[in-house]
Amino acid sequence: MKRRAQLEVTDFIRNAWKVGVEREVHQILTQVMTLNGQLLVNHLLKVGKAESLRQLLPEISIDTQNEQMQIAVKHGLIRREQDAGRLHTFYLVNPDYDAALKKVLPQLLS
């Protein structure tokens, strides 16, 4: 009985945290980023990793890409990492936001 109550509390806390993360992601994507930014993050979510100096989507200029990806990095949705030789920099989805992005982006882009 005590174990079951502990599991229910743990599930409640996990669900509350998950909802909070989804709310945060939704707020960043809709109030801070543009539609182009949403499309870029969605693309990165699909490909997993992309070189930062390359244009990710042909319909979005590199200037817009850099601006929107900087916003995503600043808010923690995306990470910027260098390869071991420090020759290339890549964008990657922050795993802490992966599930929330997978839930929120399709809703926004549909």
N, C-alpha and C. Protein backbone atom coordinates (compact mmCIF):
# COMPACT_ATOMS: atom_id res chain seq x y z
N MET A 1 0.82 -1.20 0.00
CA MET A 1 0.00 0.00 0.00
C MET A 1 0.87 1.26 0.00
N LYS A 2 1.87 1.28 0.88
CA LYS A 2 2.77 2.44 0.95
C LYS A 2 3.54 2.60 -0.35
N ARG A 3 4.00 1.49 -0.91
CA ARG A 3 4.75 1.51 -2.17
C ARG A 3 3.87 2.06 -3.30
N ARG A 4 2.62 1.63 -3.33
CA ARG A 4 1.70 2.10 -4.37
C ARG A 4 1.48 3.61 -4.27
N ALA A 5 1.33 4.11 -3.06
CA ALA A 5 1.15 5.55 -2.85
C ALA A 5 2.39 6.32 -3.30
N GLN A 6 3.57 5.76 -3.04
CA GLN A 6 4.81 6.41 -3.47
C GLN A 6 4.87 6.46 -4.99
N LEU A 7 4.47 5.36 -5.65
CA LEU A 7 4.48 5.33 -7.12
C LEU A 7 3.49 6.33 -7.70
N GLU A 8 2.33 6.46 -7.07
CA GLU A 8 1.33 7.42 -7.55
C GLU A 8 1.85 8.85 -7.41
N VAL A 9 2.51 9.15 -6.32
CA VAL A 9 3.09 10.48 -6.12
C VAL A 9 4.19 10.72 -7.15
N THR A 10 5.03 9.72 -7.37
CA THR A 10 6.11 9.85 -8.35
C THR A 10 5.55 10.08 -9.75
N ASP A 11 4.50 9.33 -10.12
CA ASP A 11 3.87 9.52 -11.43
C ASP A 11 3.27 10.91 -11.55
N PHE A 12 2.64 11.38 -10.50
CA PHE A 12 2.05 12.72 -10.50
C PHE A 12 3.14 13.78 -10.71
N ILE A 13 4.25 13.64 -10.03
CA ILE A 13 5.36 14.59 -10.16
C ILE A 13 5.94 14.54 -11.57
N ARG A 14 6.13 13.33 -12.10
CA ARG A 14 6.65 13.20 -13.47
C ARG A 14 5.71 13.84 -14.47
N ASN A 15 4.41 13.58 -14.33
CA ASN A 15 3.44 14.15 -15.26
C ASN A 15 3.39 15.66 -15.16
N ALA A 16 3.46 16.19 -13.95
CA ALA A 16 3.46 17.65 -13.77
C ALA A 16 4.70 18.25 -14.41
N TRP A 17 5.85 17.59 -14.26
CA TRP A 17 7.09 18.09 -14.87
C TRP A 17 6.96 18.05 -16.39
N LYS A 18 6.44 16.94 -16.91
CA LYS A 18 6.28 16.78 -18.35
C LYS A 18 5.37 17.86 -18.93
N VAL A 19 4.26 18.13 -18.27
CA VAL A 19 3.33 19.17 -18.71
C VAL A 19 4.01 20.53 -18.65
N GLY A 20 4.79 20.77 -17.62
CA GLY A 20 5.51 22.04 -17.50
C GLY A 20 6.51 22.24 -18.61
N VAL A 21 7.22 21.18 -18.97
CA VAL A 21 8.20 21.26 -20.07
C VAL A 21 7.48 21.50 -21.39
N GLU A 22 6.39 20.82 -21.61
CA GLU A 22 5.62 21.02 -22.84
C GLU A 22 5.09 22.46 -22.92
N ARG A 23 4.65 22.99 -21.81
CA ARG A 23 4.16 24.37 -21.78
C ARG A 23 5.30 25.34 -22.10
N GLU A 24 6.46 25.09 -21.51
CA GLU A 24 7.63 25.94 -21.77
C GLU A 24 8.02 25.91 -23.24
N VAL A 25 8.07 24.71 -23.81
CA VAL A 25 8.41 24.55 -25.23
C VAL A 25 7.40 25.28 -26.10
N HIS A 26 6.13 25.10 -25.81
CA HIS A 26 5.08 25.77 -26.59
C HIS A 26 5.24 27.28 -26.53
N GLN A 27 5.52 27.79 -25.35
CA GLN A 27 5.69 29.23 -25.17
C GLN A 27 6.88 29.75 -25.98
N ILE A 28 8.00 29.06 -25.93
CA ILE A 28 9.19 29.49 -26.67
C ILE A 28 8.90 29.47 -28.17
N LEU A 29 8.32 28.37 -28.63
CA LEU A 29 8.08 28.22 -30.07
C LEU A 29 7.07 29.22 -30.60
N THR A 30 6.07 29.59 -29.80
CA THR A 30 5.02 30.47 -30.30
C THR A 30 5.23 31.94 -29.99
N GLN A 31 5.89 32.24 -28.89
CA GLN A 31 6.03 33.64 -28.49
C GLN A 31 7.39 34.23 -28.77
N VAL A 32 8.40 33.38 -28.93
CA VAL A 32 9.75 33.89 -29.15
C VAL A 32 10.24 33.59 -30.56
N MET A 33 9.90 32.41 -31.06
CA MET A 33 10.38 32.00 -32.38
C MET A 33 9.31 32.27 -33.44
N THR A 34 9.75 32.32 -34.68
CA THR A 34 8.85 32.50 -35.81
C THR A 34 8.47 31.13 -36.39
N LEU A 35 7.57 31.15 -37.37
CA LEU A 35 7.22 29.91 -38.07
C LEU A 35 8.47 29.29 -38.68
N ASN A 36 9.35 30.11 -39.25
CA ASN A 36 10.60 29.58 -39.81
C ASN A 36 11.43 28.88 -38.73
N GLY A 37 11.48 29.44 -37.56
CA GLY A 37 12.20 28.82 -36.46
C GLY A 37 11.59 27.48 -36.08
N GLN A 38 10.26 27.43 -36.06
CA GLN A 38 9.57 26.18 -35.76
C GLN A 38 9.90 25.12 -36.82
N LEU A 39 9.91 25.54 -38.07
CA LEU A 39 10.24 24.61 -39.16
C LEU A 39 11.68 24.10 -39.04
N LEU A 40 12.59 24.98 -38.67
CA LEU A 40 13.99 24.59 -38.51
C LEU A 40 14.17 23.59 -37.36
N VAL A 41 13.53 23.86 -36.24
CA VAL A 41 13.63 22.95 -35.10
C VAL A 41 12.99 21.61 -35.46
N ASN A 42 11.87 21.65 -36.16
CA ASN A 42 11.21 20.41 -36.60
C ASN A 42 12.14 19.61 -37.52
N HIS A 43 12.79 20.30 -38.44
CA HIS A 43 13.73 19.62 -39.35
C HIS A 43 14.87 18.98 -38.56
N LEU A 44 15.41 19.72 -37.62
CA LEU A 44 16.51 19.18 -36.80
C LEU A 44 16.04 17.98 -35.98
N LEU A 45 14.83 18.03 -35.52
CA LEU A 45 14.26 16.91 -34.76
C LEU A 45 14.22 15.66 -35.64
N LYS A 46 13.94 15.84 -36.92
CA LYS A 46 13.86 14.70 -37.85
C LYS A 46 15.24 14.16 -38.23
N VAL A 47 16.21 15.07 -38.47
CA VAL A 47 17.53 14.62 -38.93
C VAL A 47 18.49 14.32 -37.78
N GLY A 48 18.23 14.86 -36.62
CA GLY A 48 19.04 14.55 -35.44
C GLY A 48 20.23 15.44 -35.21
N LYS A 49 20.95 15.76 -36.27
CA LYS A 49 22.18 16.54 -36.15
C LYS A 49 22.42 17.26 -37.48
N ALA A 50 22.82 18.52 -37.40
CA ALA A 50 23.06 19.27 -38.64
C ALA A 50 24.20 20.26 -38.43
N GLU A 51 25.03 20.39 -39.44
CA GLU A 51 26.14 21.33 -39.38
C GLU A 51 25.57 22.75 -39.37
N SER A 52 26.08 23.56 -38.46
CA SER A 52 25.50 24.89 -38.25
C SER A 52 25.74 25.87 -39.40
N LEU A 53 26.79 25.68 -40.17
CA LEU A 53 27.09 26.62 -41.25
C LEU A 53 26.35 26.29 -42.55
N ARG A 54 25.70 25.15 -42.59
CA ARG A 54 24.96 24.76 -43.80
C ARG A 54 23.49 25.15 -43.67
N GLN A 55 22.94 25.53 -44.79
CA GLN A 55 21.53 25.90 -44.81
C GLN A 55 20.70 24.63 -44.63
N LEU A 56 19.87 24.61 -43.60
CA LEU A 56 19.11 23.40 -43.28
C LEU A 56 17.92 23.21 -44.21
N LEU A 57 17.23 24.30 -44.53
CA LEU A 57 16.07 24.26 -45.43
C LEU A 57 16.25 25.32 -46.50
N PRO A 58 16.13 24.94 -47.77
CA PRO A 58 16.41 25.89 -48.86
C PRO A 58 15.50 27.11 -48.85
N GLU A 59 14.29 26.97 -48.32
CA GLU A 59 13.35 28.09 -48.33
C GLU A 59 13.59 29.10 -47.21
N ILE A 60 14.52 28.79 -46.30
CA ILE A 60 14.82 29.68 -45.18
C ILE A 60 16.26 30.17 -45.30
N SER A 61 16.43 31.49 -45.36
CA SER A 61 17.77 32.07 -45.54
C SER A 61 18.69 31.69 -44.38
N ILE A 62 19.98 31.71 -44.65
CA ILE A 62 20.97 31.38 -43.63
C ILE A 62 20.94 32.41 -42.50
N ASP A 63 20.66 33.67 -42.82
CA ASP A 63 20.55 34.71 -41.78
C ASP A 63 19.39 34.41 -40.83
N THR A 64 18.23 34.08 -41.40
CA THR A 64 17.07 33.72 -40.59
C THR A 64 17.36 32.46 -39.79
N GLN A 65 17.99 31.50 -40.44
CA GLN A 65 18.36 30.26 -39.75
C GLN A 65 19.24 30.55 -38.53
N ASN A 66 20.28 31.34 -38.74
CA ASN A 66 21.19 31.65 -37.63
C ASN A 66 20.47 32.37 -36.50
N GLU A 67 19.60 33.30 -36.85
CA GLU A 67 18.85 34.06 -35.84
C GLU A 67 17.92 33.14 -35.04
N GLN A 68 17.18 32.31 -35.73
CA GLN A 68 16.22 31.43 -35.07
C GLN A 68 16.90 30.32 -34.27
N MET A 69 17.98 29.79 -34.81
CA MET A 69 18.69 28.73 -34.08
C MET A 69 19.38 29.31 -32.84
N GLN A 70 19.82 30.54 -32.92
CA GLN A 70 20.41 31.19 -31.75
C GLN A 70 19.37 31.33 -30.64
N ILE A 71 18.15 31.65 -31.01
CA ILE A 71 17.06 31.73 -30.03
C ILE A 71 16.84 30.35 -29.39
N ALA A 72 16.79 29.31 -30.22
CA ALA A 72 16.57 27.95 -29.71
C ALA A 72 17.72 27.52 -28.79
N VAL A 73 18.95 27.90 -29.13
CA VAL A 73 20.10 27.59 -28.27
C VAL A 73 20.02 28.36 -26.96
N LYS A 74 19.70 29.64 -27.06
CA LYS A 74 19.60 30.49 -25.86
C LYS A 74 18.57 29.94 -24.86
N HIS A 75 17.47 29.41 -25.38
CA HIS A 75 16.41 28.89 -24.52
C HIS A 75 16.60 27.41 -24.18
N GLY A 76 17.66 26.80 -24.68
CA GLY A 76 18.00 25.44 -24.30
C GLY A 76 17.36 24.33 -25.10
N LEU A 77 16.55 24.66 -26.11
CA LEU A 77 15.92 23.62 -26.91
C LEU A 77 16.93 22.87 -27.76
N ILE A 78 17.91 23.60 -28.23
CA ILE A 78 18.93 23.08 -29.13
C ILE A 78 20.29 23.30 -28.49
N ARG A 79 21.20 22.37 -28.73
CA ARG A 79 22.59 22.54 -28.28
C ARG A 79 23.48 22.74 -29.50
N ARG A 80 24.52 23.49 -29.30
CA ARG A 80 25.54 23.69 -30.34
C ARG A 80 26.80 22.99 -29.84
N GLU A 81 27.32 22.06 -30.62
CA GLU A 81 28.51 21.30 -30.21
C GLU A 81 29.51 21.26 -31.34
N GLN A 82 30.79 21.23 -30.96
CA GLN A 82 31.86 21.10 -31.95
C GLN A 82 32.31 19.66 -32.01
N ASP A 83 32.78 19.26 -33.21
CA ASP A 83 33.32 17.91 -33.32
C ASP A 83 34.67 17.85 -32.60
N ALA A 84 35.22 16.66 -32.49
CA ALA A 84 36.45 16.46 -31.73
C ALA A 84 37.61 17.30 -32.27
N GLY A 85 37.68 17.46 -33.57
CA GLY A 85 38.76 18.24 -34.18
C GLY A 85 38.49 19.73 -34.19
N ARG A 86 37.33 20.13 -33.68
CA ARG A 86 36.91 21.53 -33.62
C ARG A 86 36.87 22.19 -35.00
N LEU A 87 36.62 21.39 -36.02
CA LEU A 87 36.53 21.92 -37.38
C LEU A 87 35.10 22.31 -37.75
N HIS A 88 34.14 21.62 -37.16
CA HIS A 88 32.74 21.85 -37.50
C HIS A 88 31.92 22.01 -36.23
N THR A 89 30.88 22.82 -36.33
CA THR A 89 29.94 23.00 -35.24
C THR A 89 28.59 22.46 -35.70
N PHE A 90 27.94 21.74 -34.81
CA PHE A 90 26.68 21.09 -35.14
C PHE A 90 25.57 21.54 -34.19
N TYR A 91 24.35 21.50 -34.71
CA TYR A 91 23.16 21.70 -33.90
C TYR A 91 22.60 20.32 -33.57
N LEU A 92 22.19 20.15 -32.31
CA LEU A 92 21.54 18.93 -31.87
C LEU A 92 20.37 19.30 -30.96
N VAL A 93 19.33 18.51 -30.99
CA VAL A 93 18.20 18.74 -30.09
C VAL A 93 18.64 18.36 -28.68
N ASN A 94 18.33 19.22 -27.73
CA ASN A 94 18.61 18.93 -26.33
C ASN A 94 17.71 17.77 -25.90
N PRO A 95 18.29 16.66 -25.44
CA PRO A 95 17.47 15.50 -25.07
C PRO A 95 16.42 15.80 -24.00
N ASP A 96 16.66 16.81 -23.17
CA ASP A 96 15.69 17.18 -22.14
C ASP A 96 14.39 17.70 -22.74
N TYR A 97 14.45 18.17 -23.98
CA TYR A 97 13.28 18.75 -24.64
C TYR A 97 12.78 17.90 -25.81
N ASP A 98 13.43 16.81 -26.09
CA ASP A 98 13.10 15.98 -27.24
C ASP A 98 11.63 15.54 -27.25
N ALA A 99 11.18 14.94 -26.18
CA ALA A 99 9.80 14.44 -26.12
C ALA A 99 8.79 15.58 -26.24
N ALA A 100 9.04 16.67 -25.57
CA ALA A 100 8.12 17.81 -25.63
C ALA A 100 8.07 18.39 -27.04
N LEU A 101 9.21 18.51 -27.70
CA LEU A 101 9.24 19.02 -29.07
C LEU A 101 8.47 18.08 -30.00
N LYS A 102 8.65 16.77 -29.81
CA LYS A 102 7.94 15.80 -30.65
C LYS A 102 6.43 15.88 -30.46
N LYS A 103 5.99 16.31 -29.32
CA LYS A 103 4.55 16.45 -29.07
C LYS A 103 4.03 17.80 -29.54
N VAL A 104 4.76 18.88 -29.25
CA VAL A 104 4.27 20.23 -29.52
C VAL A 104 4.39 20.63 -30.98
N LEU A 105 5.51 20.35 -31.62
CA LEU A 105 5.72 20.81 -33.00
C LEU A 105 4.65 20.31 -33.99
N PRO A 106 4.29 19.03 -33.98
CA PRO A 106 3.25 18.62 -34.93
C PRO A 106 1.92 19.36 -34.73
N GLN A 107 1.61 19.67 -33.49
CA GLN A 107 0.39 20.43 -33.21
C GLN A 107 0.47 21.83 -33.80
N LEU A 108 1.64 22.46 -33.68
CA LEU A 108 1.80 23.82 -34.20
C LEU A 108 1.86 23.86 -35.71
N LEU A 109 2.46 22.86 -36.31
CA LEU A 109 2.70 22.89 -37.76
C LEU A 109 1.60 22.21 -38.58
N SER A 110 0.58 21.72 -37.91
CA SER A 110 -0.48 21.03 -38.67
C SER A 110 -1.50 22.01 -39.21
